[in-house]
Amino acid sequence: MAIRLDYETKAGAFSRADTEMQLMEHLRLAAECCYMIGHDMKADGDELRGQGFLAMGQMFERNVLTIINGLARMTK
């Protein structure tokens, strides 16, 4: 059950900015899911796997920051 967003196009060419925005939104959602699963696992007593999911959530957030910083450098 994959919910996929359409790629935005302008005159037949895909829009890189819109695609990057979609990517960031998916990364944010993935981070949120990892945090929810991680906290639930830790609450059930599975400390190691719970901590692993929390770490994955942080990595997704870092990816969003990397994209934002890359875009900021491109606009300078």
PDB file of N, CA and C in Angstrom:
ATOM      1  N   MET A   1       0.844  -1.181   0.000  1.00  0.00           N
ATOM      2  CA  MET A   1       0.000   0.000   0.000  1.00  0.00           C
ATOM      3  C   MET A   1       0.885   1.239   0.000  1.00  0.00           C
ATOM      4  N   ALA A   2       1.449   1.543  -1.118  1.00  0.00           N
ATOM      5  CA  ALA A   2       2.297   2.718  -1.222  1.00  0.00           C
ATOM      6  C   ALA A   2       1.478   3.887  -1.751  1.00  0.00           C
ATOM      7  N   ILE A   3       1.498   4.969  -1.022  1.00  0.00           N
ATOM      8  CA  ILE A   3       0.844   6.184  -1.479  1.00  0.00           C
ATOM      9  C   ILE A   3       1.916   7.019  -2.159  1.00  0.00           C
ATOM     10  N   ARG A   4       1.810   7.131  -3.450  1.00  0.00           N
ATOM     11  CA  ARG A   4       2.823   7.862  -4.211  1.00  0.00           C
ATOM     12  C   ARG A   4       2.230   9.163  -4.726  1.00  0.00           C
ATOM     13  N   LEU A   5       3.001  10.219  -4.571  1.00  0.00           N
ATOM     14  CA  LEU A   5       2.596  11.499  -5.112  1.00  0.00           C
ATOM     15  C   LEU A   5       3.049  11.590  -6.559  1.00  0.00           C
ATOM     16  N   ASP A   6       2.258  12.243  -7.374  1.00  0.00           N
ATOM     17  CA  ASP A   6       2.637  12.430  -8.766  1.00  0.00           C
ATOM     18  C   ASP A   6       3.824  13.379  -8.859  1.00  0.00           C
ATOM     19  N   TYR A   7       4.647  13.153  -9.872  1.00  0.00           N
ATOM     20  CA  TYR A   7       5.749  14.071 -10.128  1.00  0.00           C
ATOM     21  C   TYR A   7       5.198  15.271 -10.877  1.00  0.00           C
ATOM     22  N   GLU A   8       5.486  16.455 -10.360  1.00  0.00           N
ATOM     23  CA  GLU A   8       5.047  17.681 -11.017  1.00  0.00           C
ATOM     24  C   GLU A   8       5.881  17.919 -12.268  1.00  0.00           C
ATOM     25  N   THR A   9       5.220  18.304 -13.327  1.00  0.00           N
ATOM     26  CA  THR A   9       5.941  18.631 -14.553  1.00  0.00           C
ATOM     27  C   THR A   9       5.525  20.010 -15.030  1.00  0.00           C
ATOM     28  N   LYS A  10       6.443  20.639 -15.709  1.00  0.00           N
ATOM     29  CA  LYS A  10       6.165  21.932 -16.340  1.00  0.00           C
ATOM     30  C   LYS A  10       6.655  21.819 -17.767  1.00  0.00           C
ATOM     31  N   ALA A  11       5.747  21.890 -18.709  1.00  0.00           N
ATOM     32  CA  ALA A  11       6.044  21.744 -20.130  1.00  0.00           C
ATOM     33  C   ALA A  11       6.703  20.404 -20.426  1.00  0.00           C
ATOM     34  N   GLY A  12       6.293  19.363 -19.713  1.00  0.00           N
ATOM     35  CA  GLY A  12       6.808  18.024 -19.947  1.00  0.00           C
ATOM     36  C   GLY A  12       8.063  17.666 -19.183  1.00  0.00           C
ATOM     37  N   ALA A  13       8.707  18.651 -18.547  1.00  0.00           N
ATOM     38  CA  ALA A  13       9.920  18.383 -17.753  1.00  0.00           C
ATOM     39  C   ALA A  13       9.544  18.364 -16.281  1.00  0.00           C
ATOM     40  N   PHE A  14      10.122  17.406 -15.552  1.00  0.00           N
ATOM     41  CA  PHE A  14       9.736  17.307 -14.154  1.00  0.00           C
ATOM     42  C   PHE A  14      10.311  18.476 -13.357  1.00  0.00           C
ATOM     43  N   SER A  15       9.615  18.846 -12.292  1.00  0.00           N
ATOM     44  CA  SER A  15      10.021  19.960 -11.450  1.00  0.00           C
ATOM     45  C   SER A  15      10.895  19.434 -10.308  1.00  0.00           C
ATOM     46  N   ARG A  16      12.156  19.784 -10.329  1.00  0.00           N
ATOM     47  CA  ARG A  16      13.092  19.327  -9.300  1.00  0.00           C
ATOM     48  C   ARG A  16      12.700  19.860  -7.923  1.00  0.00           C
ATOM     49  N   ALA A  17      12.293  21.128  -7.853  1.00  0.00           N
ATOM     50  CA  ALA A  17      11.933  21.738  -6.568  1.00  0.00           C
ATOM     51  C   ALA A  17      10.744  21.016  -5.939  1.00  0.00           C
ATOM     52  N   ASP A  18       9.716  20.750  -6.732  1.00  0.00           N
ATOM     53  CA  ASP A  18       8.539  20.048  -6.195  1.00  0.00           C
ATOM     54  C   ASP A  18       8.889  18.633  -5.757  1.00  0.00           C
ATOM     55  N   THR A  19       9.756  17.978  -6.516  1.00  0.00           N
ATOM     56  CA  THR A  19      10.161  16.620  -6.155  1.00  0.00           C
ATOM     57  C   THR A  19      10.977  16.619  -4.863  1.00  0.00           C
ATOM     58  N   GLU A  20      11.836  17.620  -4.680  1.00  0.00           N
ATOM     59  CA  GLU A  20      12.599  17.728  -3.436  1.00  0.00           C
ATOM     60  C   GLU A  20      11.676  17.990  -2.253  1.00  0.00           C
ATOM     61  N   MET A  21      10.638  18.791  -2.460  1.00  0.00           N
ATOM     62  CA  MET A  21       9.666  19.041  -1.388  1.00  0.00           C
ATOM     63  C   MET A  21       8.939  17.747  -1.011  1.00  0.00           C
ATOM     64  N   GLN A  22       8.577  16.945  -2.010  1.00  0.00           N
ATOM     65  CA  GLN A  22       7.939  15.664  -1.726  1.00  0.00           C
ATOM     66  C   GLN A  22       8.876  14.744  -0.950  1.00  0.00           C
ATOM     67  N   LEU A  23      10.142  14.734  -1.363  1.00  0.00           N
ATOM     68  CA  LEU A  23      11.129  13.901  -0.675  1.00  0.00           C
ATOM     69  C   LEU A  23      11.249  14.307   0.783  1.00  0.00           C
ATOM     70  N   MET A  24      11.331  15.602   1.052  1.00  0.00           N
ATOM     71  CA  MET A  24      11.449  16.064   2.436  1.00  0.00           C
ATOM     72  C   MET A  24      10.214  15.695   3.254  1.00  0.00           C
ATOM     73  N   GLU A  25       9.047  15.791   2.641  1.00  0.00           N
ATOM     74  CA  GLU A  25       7.823  15.421   3.359  1.00  0.00           C
ATOM     75  C   GLU A  25       7.822  13.931   3.703  1.00  0.00           C
ATOM     76  N   HIS A  26       8.236  13.093   2.772  1.00  0.00           N
ATOM     77  CA  HIS A  26       8.296  11.657   3.041  1.00  0.00           C
ATOM     78  C   HIS A  26       9.336  11.340   4.114  1.00  0.00           C
ATOM     79  N   LEU A  27      10.471  12.031   4.091  1.00  0.00           N
ATOM     80  CA  LEU A  27      11.485  11.812   5.121  1.00  0.00           C
ATOM     81  C   LEU A  27      10.974  12.227   6.496  1.00  0.00           C
ATOM     82  N   ARG A  28      10.243  13.330   6.553  1.00  0.00           N
ATOM     83  CA  ARG A  28       9.660  13.762   7.837  1.00  0.00           C
ATOM     84  C   ARG A  28       8.650  12.741   8.357  1.00  0.00           C
ATOM     85  N   LEU A  29       7.823  12.221   7.454  1.00  0.00           N
ATOM     86  CA  LEU A  29       6.850  11.200   7.858  1.00  0.00           C
ATOM     87  C   LEU A  29       7.550   9.923   8.320  1.00  0.00           C
ATOM     88  N   ALA A  30       8.625   9.547   7.628  1.00  0.00           N
ATOM     89  CA  ALA A  30       9.379   8.349   8.024  1.00  0.00           C
ATOM     90  C   ALA A  30       9.991   8.541   9.406  1.00  0.00           C
ATOM     91  N   ALA A  31      10.530   9.735   9.674  1.00  0.00           N
ATOM     92  CA  ALA A  31      11.109  10.009  10.988  1.00  0.00           C
ATOM     93  C   ALA A  31      10.039   9.901  12.071  1.00  0.00           C
ATOM     94  N   GLU A  32       8.870  10.473  11.809  1.00  0.00           N
ATOM     95  CA  GLU A  32       7.773  10.414  12.775  1.00  0.00           C
ATOM     96  C   GLU A  32       7.358   8.967  13.051  1.00  0.00           C
ATOM     97  N   CYS A  33       7.266   8.148  12.002  1.00  0.00           N
ATOM     98  CA  CYS A  33       6.906   6.737  12.179  1.00  0.00           C
ATOM     99  C   CYS A  33       7.959   6.001  13.002  1.00  0.00           C
ATOM    100  N   CYS A  34       9.224   6.259  12.714  1.00  0.00           N
ATOM    101  CA  CYS A  34      10.303   5.602  13.464  1.00  0.00           C
ATOM    102  C   CYS A  34      10.232   5.963  14.940  1.00  0.00           C
ATOM    103  N   TYR A  35       9.967   7.238  15.230  1.00  0.00           N
ATOM    104  CA  TYR A  35       9.869   7.655  16.633  1.00  0.00           C
ATOM    105  C   TYR A  35       8.702   6.957  17.333  1.00  0.00           C
ATOM    106  N   MET A  36       7.564   6.861  16.651  1.00  0.00           N
ATOM    107  CA  MET A  36       6.402   6.209  17.259  1.00  0.00           C
ATOM    108  C   MET A  36       6.685   4.732  17.529  1.00  0.00           C
ATOM    109  N   ILE A  37       7.247   4.040  16.543  1.00  0.00           N
ATOM    110  CA  ILE A  37       7.552   2.618  16.706  1.00  0.00           C
ATOM    111  C   ILE A  37       8.614   2.432  17.788  1.00  0.00           C
ATOM    112  N   GLY A  38       9.631   3.284  17.775  1.00  0.00           N
ATOM    113  CA  GLY A  38      10.701   3.175  18.763  1.00  0.00           C
ATOM    114  C   GLY A  38      10.206   3.334  20.190  1.00  0.00           C
ATOM    115  N   HIS A  39       9.371   4.345  20.418  1.00  0.00           N
ATOM    116  CA  HIS A  39       8.840   4.554  21.762  1.00  0.00           C
ATOM    117  C   HIS A  39       7.921   3.407  22.181  1.00  0.00           C
ATOM    118  N   ASP A  40       7.141   2.884  21.228  1.00  0.00           N
ATOM    119  CA  ASP A  40       6.261   1.763  21.537  1.00  0.00           C
ATOM    120  C   ASP A  40       7.072   0.516  21.906  1.00  0.00           C
ATOM    121  N   MET A  41       8.139   0.251  21.151  1.00  0.00           N
ATOM    122  CA  MET A  41       8.978  -0.913  21.451  1.00  0.00           C
ATOM    123  C   MET A  41       9.651  -0.778  22.818  1.00  0.00           C
ATOM    124  N   LYS A  42      10.132   0.421  23.114  1.00  0.00           N
ATOM    125  CA  LYS A  42      10.777   0.636  24.413  1.00  0.00           C
ATOM    126  C   LYS A  42       9.767   0.458  25.547  1.00  0.00           C
ATOM    127  N   ALA A  43       8.526   0.896  25.316  1.00  0.00           N
ATOM    128  CA  ALA A  43       7.486   0.732  26.330  1.00  0.00           C
ATOM    129  C   ALA A  43       7.155  -0.740  26.546  1.00  0.00           C
ATOM    130  N   ASP A  44       7.308  -1.559  25.491  1.00  0.00           N
ATOM    131  CA  ASP A  44       7.047  -2.993  25.599  1.00  0.00           C
ATOM    132  C   ASP A  44       8.257  -3.769  26.119  1.00  0.00           C
ATOM    133  N   GLY A  45       9.345  -3.063  26.405  1.00  0.00           N
ATOM    134  CA  GLY A  45      10.506  -3.728  26.994  1.00  0.00           C
ATOM    135  C   GLY A  45      11.596  -4.101  26.006  1.00  0.00           C
ATOM    136  N   ASP A  46      11.418  -3.792  24.733  1.00  0.00           N
ATOM    137  CA  ASP A  46      12.436  -4.104  23.736  1.00  0.00           C
ATOM    138  C   ASP A  46      13.321  -2.868  23.548  1.00  0.00           C
ATOM    139  N   GLU A  47      14.218  -2.671  24.505  1.00  0.00           N
ATOM    140  CA  GLU A  47      15.053  -1.466  24.561  1.00  0.00           C
ATOM    141  C   GLU A  47      15.961  -1.330  23.339  1.00  0.00           C
ATOM    142  N   LEU A  48      16.602  -2.403  22.918  1.00  0.00           N
ATOM    143  CA  LEU A  48      17.583  -2.340  21.838  1.00  0.00           C
ATOM    144  C   LEU A  48      16.934  -1.959  20.505  1.00  0.00           C
ATOM    145  N   ARG A  49      15.886  -2.664  20.119  1.00  0.00           N
ATOM    146  CA  ARG A  49      15.217  -2.351  18.852  1.00  0.00           C
ATOM    147  C   ARG A  49      14.529  -0.995  18.916  1.00  0.00           C
ATOM    148  N   GLY A  50      13.993  -0.658  20.075  1.00  0.00           N
ATOM    149  CA  GLY A  50      13.365   0.656  20.234  1.00  0.00           C
ATOM    150  C   GLY A  50      14.366   1.777  20.014  1.00  0.00           C
ATOM    151  N   GLN A  51      15.551   1.629  20.607  1.00  0.00           N
ATOM    152  CA  GLN A  51      16.590   2.634  20.429  1.00  0.00           C
ATOM    153  C   GLN A  51      17.047   2.699  18.971  1.00  0.00           C
ATOM    154  N   GLY A  52      17.055   1.552  18.294  1.00  0.00           N
ATOM    155  CA  GLY A  52      17.412   1.516  16.885  1.00  0.00           C
ATOM    156  C   GLY A  52      16.443   2.321  16.030  1.00  0.00           C
ATOM    157  N   PHE A  53      15.152   2.189  16.308  1.00  0.00           N
ATOM    158  CA  PHE A  53      14.163   2.958  15.547  1.00  0.00           C
ATOM    159  C   PHE A  53      14.279   4.451  15.848  1.00  0.00           C
ATOM    160  N   LEU A  54      14.573   4.808  17.091  1.00  0.00           N
ATOM    161  CA  LEU A  54      14.767   6.216  17.415  1.00  0.00           C
ATOM    162  C   LEU A  54      15.974   6.780  16.664  1.00  0.00           C
ATOM    163  N   ALA A  55      17.028   5.998  16.556  1.00  0.00           N
ATOM    164  CA  ALA A  55      18.217   6.430  15.822  1.00  0.00           C
ATOM    165  C   ALA A  55      17.910   6.589  14.334  1.00  0.00           C
ATOM    166  N   MET A  56      17.100   5.690  13.789  1.00  0.00           N
ATOM    167  CA  MET A  56      16.717   5.812  12.375  1.00  0.00           C
ATOM    168  C   MET A  56      15.923   7.092  12.149  1.00  0.00           C
ATOM    169  N   GLY A  57      15.044   7.443  13.079  1.00  0.00           N
ATOM    170  CA  GLY A  57      14.287   8.689  12.970  1.00  0.00           C
ATOM    171  C   GLY A  57      15.208   9.895  12.925  1.00  0.00           C
ATOM    172  N   GLN A  58      16.247   9.866  13.757  1.00  0.00           N
ATOM    173  CA  GLN A  58      17.210  10.969  13.744  1.00  0.00           C
ATOM    174  C   GLN A  58      17.958  11.042  12.420  1.00  0.00           C
ATOM    175  N   MET A  59      18.278   9.889  11.842  1.00  0.00           N
ATOM    176  CA  MET A  59      18.965   9.894  10.550  1.00  0.00           C
ATOM    177  C   MET A  59      18.075  10.479   9.448  1.00  0.00           C
ATOM    178  N   PHE A  60      16.783  10.160   9.477  1.00  0.00           N
ATOM    179  CA  PHE A  60      15.874  10.745   8.490  1.00  0.00           C
ATOM    180  C   PHE A  60      15.824  12.266   8.638  1.00  0.00           C
ATOM    181  N   GLU A  61      15.805  12.747   9.890  1.00  0.00           N
ATOM    182  CA  GLU A  61      15.790  14.193  10.114  1.00  0.00           C
ATOM    183  C   GLU A  61      17.075  14.841   9.618  1.00  0.00           C
ATOM    184  N   ARG A  62      18.202  14.165   9.803  1.00  0.00           N
ATOM    185  CA  ARG A  62      19.468  14.703   9.295  1.00  0.00           C
ATOM    186  C   ARG A  62      19.466  14.779   7.781  1.00  0.00           C
ATOM    187  N   ASN A  63      18.825  13.813   7.129  1.00  0.00           N
ATOM    188  CA  ASN A  63      18.727  13.859   5.665  1.00  0.00           C
ATOM    189  C   ASN A  63      17.940  15.082   5.215  1.00  0.00           C
ATOM    190  N   VAL A  64      16.875  15.421   5.927  1.00  0.00           N
ATOM    191  CA  VAL A  64      16.096  16.607   5.589  1.00  0.00           C
ATOM    192  C   VAL A  64      16.971  17.853   5.731  1.00  0.00           C
ATOM    193  N   LEU A  65      17.739  17.938   6.813  1.00  0.00           N
ATOM    194  CA  LEU A  65      18.618  19.084   7.012  1.00  0.00           C
ATOM    195  C   LEU A  65      19.686  19.164   5.923  1.00  0.00           C
ATOM    196  N   THR A  66      20.191  18.029   5.488  1.00  0.00           N
ATOM    197  CA  THR A  66      21.189  18.009   4.413  1.00  0.00           C
ATOM    198  C   THR A  66      20.596  18.570   3.129  1.00  0.00           C
ATOM    199  N   ILE A  67      19.371  18.192   2.821  1.00  0.00           N
ATOM    200  CA  ILE A  67      18.711  18.705   1.616  1.00  0.00           C
ATOM    201  C   ILE A  67      18.487  20.211   1.741  1.00  0.00           C
ATOM    202  N   ILE A  68      18.010  20.653   2.897  1.00  0.00           N
ATOM    203  CA  ILE A  68      17.748  22.084   3.104  1.00  0.00           C
ATOM    204  C   ILE A  68      19.043  22.883   2.983  1.00  0.00           C
ATOM    205  N   ASN A  69      20.114  22.389   3.599  1.00  0.00           N
ATOM    206  CA  ASN A  69      21.391  23.096   3.521  1.00  0.00           C
ATOM    207  C   ASN A  69      21.924  23.126   2.096  1.00  0.00           C
ATOM    208  N   GLY A  70      21.736  22.049   1.354  1.00  0.00           N
ATOM    209  CA  GLY A  70      22.159  22.013  -0.041  1.00  0.00           C
ATOM    210  C   GLY A  70      21.385  23.007  -0.885  1.00  0.00           C
ATOM    211  N   LEU A  71      20.082  23.130  -0.627  1.00  0.00           N
ATOM    212  CA  LEU A  71      19.273  24.093  -1.369  1.00  0.00           C
ATOM    213  C   LEU A  71      19.689  25.514  -1.018  1.00  0.00           C
ATOM    214  N   ALA A  72      20.012  25.753   0.255  1.00  0.00           N
ATOM    215  CA  ALA A  72      20.424  27.094   0.667  1.00  0.00           C
ATOM    216  C   ALA A  72      21.730  27.491  -0.011  1.00  0.00           C
ATOM    217  N   ARG A  73      22.638  26.540  -0.164  1.00  0.00           N
ATOM    218  CA  ARG A  73      23.915  26.835  -0.832  1.00  0.00           C
ATOM    219  C   ARG A  73      23.702  27.127  -2.313  1.00  0.00           C
ATOM    220  N   MET A  74      22.724  26.451  -2.913  1.00  0.00           N
ATOM    221  CA  MET A  74      22.473  26.640  -4.343  1.00  0.00           C
ATOM    222  C   MET A  74      21.899  28.029  -4.631  1.00  0.00           C
ATOM    223  N   THR A  75      21.168  28.607  -3.676  1.00  0.00           N
ATOM    224  CA  THR A  75      20.533  29.896  -3.906  1.00  0.00           C
ATOM    225  C   THR A  75      21.466  31.064  -3.638  1.00  0.00           C
ATOM    226  N   LYS A  76      22.631  30.808  -3.061  1.00  0.00           N
ATOM    227  CA  LYS A  76      23.570  31.907  -2.770  1.00  0.00           C
ATOM    228  C   LYS A  76      24.324  32.308  -3.991  1.00  0.00           C
TER     229      LYS A  76
END
